[in-house]
Amino acid sequence: MKNYLHISEEVQQALAENKPVVALESTIISHGMPYPQNVQTAQMVEQIIRDAGAIPATIAVIEGKLTVGCSAEQIDRLGQKGLAVTKVSRRDLPFVVAKKQDGATTVAATMYIAHLAGVHVFATGGIGGVHRNAETTMDISADLDELQETSVMVVCAGAKSILDIGLTLECLETRGVPVVGYKTEDMPAFYTQKSGFKVDYRLDTPQEIALAYHCKCAIGLKGGMLVANPIPDQYAMDSNYIDENIRRALEEADHLGIHGKETTPYLLDKIQKLTGGQSLQSNIQLVYNNAKLGAEIAKELCKIR
Protein backbone atom coordinates (compact mmCIF):
# COMPACT_ATOMS: atom_id res chain seq x y z
CA MET A 1 0.00 0.00 0.00
CA LYS A 2 2.89 2.39 0.71
CA ASN A 3 3.59 2.52 -3.03
CA TYR A 4 0.12 3.89 -3.69
CA LEU A 5 -0.87 5.88 -0.59
CA HIS A 6 0.79 9.16 0.41
CA ILE A 7 -0.18 10.81 3.70
CA SER A 8 1.31 14.23 4.36
CA GLU A 9 3.66 14.57 7.34
CA GLU A 10 1.23 16.93 9.07
CA VAL A 11 -1.67 14.48 8.77
CA GLN A 12 0.51 11.51 9.77
CA GLN A 13 1.65 13.31 12.91
CA ALA A 14 -1.89 14.36 13.81
CA LEU A 15 -3.18 10.79 13.46
CA ALA A 16 -0.28 9.38 15.47
CA GLU A 17 -0.95 11.88 18.29
CA ASN A 18 -4.74 11.39 18.23
CA LYS A 19 -5.34 14.93 17.04
CA PRO A 20 -8.50 15.77 15.07
CA VAL A 21 -8.31 15.46 11.29
CA VAL A 22 -11.04 16.36 8.79
CA ALA A 23 -10.96 14.93 5.27
CA LEU A 24 -12.01 17.09 2.31
CA GLU A 25 -12.86 16.07 -1.24
CA SER A 26 -11.23 17.51 -4.37
CA THR A 27 -14.01 17.28 -6.97
CA ILE A 28 -15.35 20.54 -5.62
CA ILE A 29 -12.01 22.13 -6.58
CA SER A 30 -11.75 20.87 -10.14
CA HIS A 31 -15.42 20.43 -11.08
CA GLY A 32 -17.33 22.59 -8.60
CA MET A 33 -16.46 26.16 -9.57
CA PRO A 34 -14.16 28.23 -11.80
CA TYR A 35 -10.54 29.15 -11.16
CA PRO A 36 -9.33 30.95 -9.04
CA GLN A 37 -12.50 30.90 -6.92
CA ASN A 38 -12.21 27.13 -6.55
CA VAL A 39 -8.72 27.38 -5.05
CA GLN A 40 -9.64 30.32 -2.83
CA THR A 41 -12.61 28.37 -1.50
CA ALA A 42 -10.50 25.27 -0.85
CA GLN A 43 -7.94 27.38 1.02
CA MET A 44 -10.66 29.01 3.11
CA VAL A 45 -12.20 25.63 3.99
CA GLU A 46 -8.82 24.41 5.22
CA GLN A 47 -8.33 27.61 7.24
CA ILE A 48 -11.76 27.27 8.87
CA ILE A 49 -10.81 23.76 10.00
CA ARG A 50 -7.49 24.98 11.37
CA ASP A 51 -9.14 27.88 13.17
CA ALA A 52 -11.51 25.38 14.79
CA GLY A 53 -8.57 23.39 16.15
CA ALA A 54 -8.32 20.50 13.67
CA ILE A 55 -6.09 19.50 10.76
CA PRO A 56 -7.49 19.57 7.20
CA ALA A 57 -6.70 16.71 4.84
CA THR A 58 -7.68 17.48 1.27
CA ILE A 59 -7.75 14.19 -0.64
CA ALA A 60 -6.99 13.65 -4.33
CA VAL A 61 -5.01 11.40 -6.65
CA ILE A 62 -1.76 13.16 -7.55
CA GLU A 63 0.33 11.55 -10.28
CA GLY A 64 -1.18 8.18 -9.42
CA LYS A 65 -0.73 8.50 -5.65
CA LEU A 66 -3.72 8.39 -3.30
CA THR A 67 -2.88 11.62 -1.50
CA VAL A 68 -4.20 12.51 1.95
CA GLY A 69 -3.28 16.09 2.77
CA CYS A 70 -2.67 17.89 -0.52
CA SER A 71 -0.19 20.77 -0.50
CA ALA A 72 -1.15 24.31 -1.49
CA GLU A 73 0.65 23.77 -4.79
CA GLN A 74 -1.27 20.58 -5.51
CA ILE A 75 -4.60 22.25 -4.74
CA ASP A 76 -3.72 25.10 -7.08
CA ARG A 77 -2.76 22.60 -9.76
CA LEU A 78 -6.13 20.85 -9.50
CA GLY A 79 -7.90 24.19 -9.60
CA GLN A 80 -6.06 25.45 -12.66
CA LYS A 81 -6.56 22.21 -14.60
CA GLY A 82 -10.27 22.24 -13.71
CA LEU A 83 -12.43 19.96 -15.82
CA ALA A 84 -9.32 18.48 -17.44
CA VAL A 85 -8.75 16.58 -14.17
CA THR A 86 -10.40 13.17 -14.15
CA LYS A 87 -13.40 12.93 -11.84
CA VAL A 88 -12.67 9.85 -9.76
CA SER A 89 -15.17 7.65 -7.97
CA ARG A 90 -14.31 4.29 -6.37
CA ARG A 91 -14.46 2.37 -9.68
CA ASP A 92 -12.01 4.79 -11.33
CA LEU A 93 -9.23 4.62 -8.74
CA PRO A 94 -7.23 1.67 -10.14
CA PHE A 95 -7.13 3.14 -13.63
CA VAL A 96 -6.06 6.63 -12.59
CA VAL A 97 -3.43 5.11 -10.31
CA ALA A 98 -2.17 2.76 -13.04
CA LYS A 99 -1.81 5.65 -15.49
CA LYS A 100 -0.17 7.87 -12.83
CA GLN A 101 -2.73 10.59 -13.51
CA ASP A 102 -4.22 13.34 -11.38
CA GLY A 103 -7.74 12.67 -10.14
CA ALA A 104 -10.32 14.70 -8.26
CA THR A 105 -12.08 12.46 -5.77
CA THR A 106 -15.84 12.30 -5.33
CA VAL A 107 -17.52 11.61 -1.99
CA ALA A 108 -17.22 7.84 -2.53
CA ALA A 109 -13.52 7.88 -3.46
CA THR A 110 -12.69 10.40 -0.72
CA MET A 111 -14.38 8.19 1.87
CA TYR A 112 -12.44 5.15 0.72
CA ILE A 113 -9.07 6.91 0.78
CA ALA A 114 -9.82 8.60 4.13
CA HIS A 115 -10.59 5.17 5.58
CA LEU A 116 -7.30 3.78 4.26
CA ALA A 117 -5.49 6.60 6.06
CA GLY A 118 -7.45 6.22 9.31
CA VAL A 119 -9.39 9.49 9.04
CA HIS A 120 -12.91 9.16 10.42
CA VAL A 121 -14.52 12.55 9.70
CA PHE A 122 -15.13 13.97 6.24
CA ALA A 123 -16.78 17.34 5.50
CA THR A 124 -18.27 18.06 2.09
CA GLY A 125 -21.07 20.02 0.42
CA GLY A 126 -23.75 17.47 -0.39
CA ILE A 127 -23.74 13.76 -1.11
CA GLY A 128 -24.80 12.12 -4.34
CA GLY A 129 -27.84 9.88 -4.31
CA VAL A 130 -30.77 8.70 -6.36
CA HIS A 131 -31.29 10.94 -9.39
CA ARG A 132 -34.74 12.01 -10.46
CA ASN A 133 -36.32 9.50 -12.84
CA ALA A 134 -33.94 6.82 -11.56
CA GLU A 135 -36.75 4.28 -11.96
CA THR A 136 -35.99 4.43 -15.70
CA THR A 137 -32.37 5.62 -15.82
CA MET A 138 -31.05 3.65 -12.81
CA ASP A 139 -28.78 6.64 -12.12
CA ILE A 140 -27.81 6.12 -8.49
CA SER A 141 -24.63 7.54 -7.01
CA ALA A 142 -21.87 5.26 -5.74
CA ASP A 143 -21.82 7.48 -2.63
CA LEU A 144 -24.71 5.46 -1.19
CA ASP A 145 -22.92 2.12 -1.49
CA GLU A 146 -19.75 3.66 -0.07
CA LEU A 147 -21.70 4.88 2.95
CA GLN A 148 -22.85 1.31 3.47
CA GLU A 149 -19.35 -0.16 3.22
CA THR A 150 -16.91 2.40 4.60
CA SER A 151 -16.67 3.57 8.21
CA VAL A 152 -16.31 7.30 7.74
CA MET A 153 -18.65 9.99 9.05
CA VAL A 154 -19.80 12.38 6.31
CA VAL A 155 -20.86 15.89 7.33
CA CYS A 156 -22.90 17.52 4.59
CA ALA A 157 -25.85 19.82 3.85
CA GLY A 158 -27.97 16.83 2.88
CA ALA A 159 -28.30 15.35 -0.58
CA LYS A 160 -27.91 17.69 -3.53
CA SER A 161 -31.19 19.40 -4.47
CA ILE A 162 -31.00 18.04 -8.01
CA LEU A 163 -31.68 14.52 -6.64
CA ASP A 164 -34.75 12.62 -5.54
CA ILE A 165 -34.20 13.08 -1.82
CA GLY A 166 -37.02 10.79 -0.73
CA LEU A 167 -35.63 7.85 -2.70
CA THR A 168 -32.10 8.71 -1.55
CA LEU A 169 -33.23 8.38 2.08
CA GLU A 170 -34.99 5.10 1.29
CA CYS A 171 -31.76 3.72 -0.19
CA LEU A 172 -29.76 4.84 2.83
CA GLU A 173 -32.26 3.13 5.14
CA THR A 174 -32.02 -0.10 3.15
CA ARG A 175 -28.24 0.05 3.44
CA GLY A 176 -28.38 0.58 7.20
CA VAL A 177 -26.81 4.05 7.04
CA PRO A 178 -28.02 6.31 9.88
CA VAL A 179 -28.92 9.87 8.90
CA VAL A 180 -28.46 12.37 11.72
CA GLY A 181 -29.87 15.88 11.61
CA TYR A 182 -27.70 18.44 13.41
CA LYS A 183 -30.17 20.49 15.47
CA THR A 184 -32.96 19.51 13.08
CA GLU A 185 -35.48 16.74 12.42
CA ASP A 186 -35.79 17.78 8.77
CA MET A 187 -33.53 16.50 6.04
CA PRO A 188 -31.90 19.56 4.46
CA ALA A 189 -31.82 19.88 0.68
CA PHE A 190 -28.46 21.53 0.01
CA TYR A 191 -29.59 25.04 -1.04
CA THR A 192 -32.59 24.93 1.32
CA GLN A 193 -32.99 23.91 4.94
CA LYS A 194 -35.89 21.52 4.48
CA SER A 195 -36.72 18.87 1.90
CA GLY A 196 -40.04 17.70 3.30
CA PHE A 197 -38.47 14.47 4.60
CA LYS A 198 -37.32 13.50 8.08
CA VAL A 199 -33.91 12.34 9.27
CA ASP A 200 -33.50 9.23 11.43
CA TYR A 201 -32.19 11.01 14.52
CA ARG A 202 -31.84 14.57 15.72
CA LEU A 203 -28.68 15.31 17.73
CA ASP A 204 -27.92 18.78 19.04
CA THR A 205 -24.21 18.76 19.91
CA PRO A 206 -20.96 17.60 18.30
CA GLN A 207 -20.38 15.51 21.44
CA GLU A 208 -23.58 13.52 20.89
CA ILE A 209 -22.71 12.89 17.25
CA ALA A 210 -19.16 11.79 18.07
CA LEU A 211 -20.38 9.42 20.77
CA ALA A 212 -23.00 7.84 18.46
CA TYR A 213 -20.37 7.27 15.77
CA HIS A 214 -17.92 5.85 18.32
CA CYS A 215 -20.56 3.43 19.61
CA LYS A 216 -21.44 2.37 16.06
CA CYS A 217 -17.83 1.41 15.43
CA ALA A 218 -17.35 -0.11 18.92
CA ILE A 219 -20.18 -2.61 18.47
CA GLY A 220 -18.82 -3.72 15.12
CA LEU A 221 -21.22 -2.01 12.70
CA LYS A 222 -19.36 -1.25 9.50
CA GLY A 223 -20.35 1.62 7.26
CA GLY A 224 -20.62 5.35 7.58
CA MET A 225 -22.86 7.85 9.28
CA LEU A 226 -24.43 10.80 7.47
CA VAL A 227 -24.63 14.06 9.41
CA ALA A 228 -27.02 16.51 7.75
CA ASN A 229 -26.16 20.10 8.65
CA PRO A 230 -28.61 22.68 7.20
CA ILE A 231 -27.29 25.65 5.27
CA PRO A 232 -27.28 28.78 7.50
CA ASP A 233 -30.44 30.92 7.37
CA GLN A 234 -28.84 33.90 5.66
CA TYR A 235 -27.58 31.81 2.74
CA ALA A 236 -30.59 29.53 2.23
CA MET A 237 -32.47 29.97 -1.06
CA ASP A 238 -36.20 30.10 -1.69
CA SER A 239 -37.35 26.54 -2.37
CA ASN A 240 -39.74 27.45 -5.20
CA TYR A 241 -37.09 29.55 -6.93
CA ILE A 242 -34.37 26.92 -6.75
CA ASP A 243 -36.77 24.11 -7.72
CA GLU A 244 -37.81 25.97 -10.86
CA ASN A 245 -34.20 26.48 -11.88
CA ILE A 246 -33.40 22.85 -11.19
CA ARG A 247 -36.33 21.83 -13.40
CA ARG A 248 -35.02 24.01 -16.24
CA ALA A 249 -31.50 22.64 -15.84
CA LEU A 250 -32.76 19.04 -15.85
CA GLU A 251 -34.76 19.62 -19.01
CA GLU A 252 -31.72 21.03 -20.79
CA ALA A 253 -29.49 18.19 -19.60
CA ASP A 254 -32.01 15.67 -20.90
CA HIS A 255 -32.22 17.51 -24.24
CA LEU A 256 -28.42 17.47 -24.56
CA GLY A 257 -28.17 13.79 -23.61
CA ILE A 258 -25.99 14.42 -20.59
CA HIS A 259 -25.87 11.46 -18.22
CA GLY A 260 -23.71 9.51 -15.79
CA LYS A 261 -20.95 11.22 -13.85
CA GLU A 262 -21.16 14.30 -16.08
CA THR A 263 -24.69 15.05 -14.85
CA THR A 264 -23.97 16.64 -11.48
CA PRO A 265 -21.19 19.03 -12.61
CA TYR A 266 -23.33 20.10 -15.57
CA LEU A 267 -26.44 20.72 -13.46
CA LEU A 268 -24.61 22.63 -10.73
CA ASP A 269 -22.94 24.86 -13.32
CA LYS A 270 -26.20 25.45 -15.19
CA ILE A 271 -28.09 26.29 -11.98
CA GLN A 272 -25.31 28.69 -11.01
CA LYS A 273 -25.76 30.51 -14.32
CA LEU A 274 -29.57 30.51 -14.07
CA THR A 275 -29.44 32.02 -10.57
CA GLY A 276 -26.87 34.66 -11.47
CA GLY A 277 -24.27 33.12 -9.18
CA GLN A 278 -26.53 32.98 -6.12
CA SER A 279 -26.49 29.18 -5.94
CA LEU A 280 -22.68 29.15 -6.10
CA GLN A 281 -22.43 31.53 -3.15
CA SER A 282 -24.86 29.36 -1.19
CA ASN A 283 -22.79 26.29 -2.11
CA ILE A 284 -19.60 27.91 -0.81
CA GLN A 285 -21.18 28.99 2.46
CA LEU A 286 -22.69 25.59 3.21
CA VAL A 287 -19.29 23.97 2.66
CA TYR A 288 -17.76 26.42 5.14
CA ASN A 289 -20.51 25.58 7.62
CA ASN A 290 -19.92 21.84 7.24
CA ALA A 291 -16.16 22.23 7.63
CA LYS A 292 -16.60 23.99 10.96
CA LEU A 293 -19.00 21.33 12.27
CA GLY A 294 -16.74 18.55 10.99
CA ALA A 295 -13.83 20.00 12.97
CA GLU A 296 -15.90 20.21 16.14
CA ILE A 297 -17.03 16.59 15.79
CA ALA A 298 -13.49 15.41 15.06
CA LYS A 299 -12.25 17.08 18.23
CA GLU A 300 -14.93 15.36 20.29
CA LEU A 301 -14.17 12.00 18.70
CA CYS A 302 -10.53 12.31 19.71
CA LYS A 303 -11.57 12.85 23.34
CA ILE A 304 -13.49 9.55 23.29
CA ARG A 305 -10.96 7.37 21.49
Foldseek 3Di string as FASTA:
>chain_A
DVVAEAEDPVVVVCVVVLFFEAEEFQCCQQLVDAPPVSLVLVVVLQVLLVVLRGGYWYFWQAQLHGYTRDDSVVSVVSNVCRPVAAADAPVCNVVCNVRRGIYTYALRRSLVSCQVVPHAHYEYEEHFAAAPPCVPVVAGDCNLVSQLAGRHEYEYQYHALRGDRVVRLVSNVVSVAAEEEAQDQARGHRLANHDPDGGPYYDHALLVVLVVSVVCVVVPRHGYYYYNYHQDPVLHDDPVVLVVQSVVQVVVCVVVVDDDPRNVSSSSVSSCVVVVNSSVVSSSRRSSVRSSSSSRNSNSNSVVD
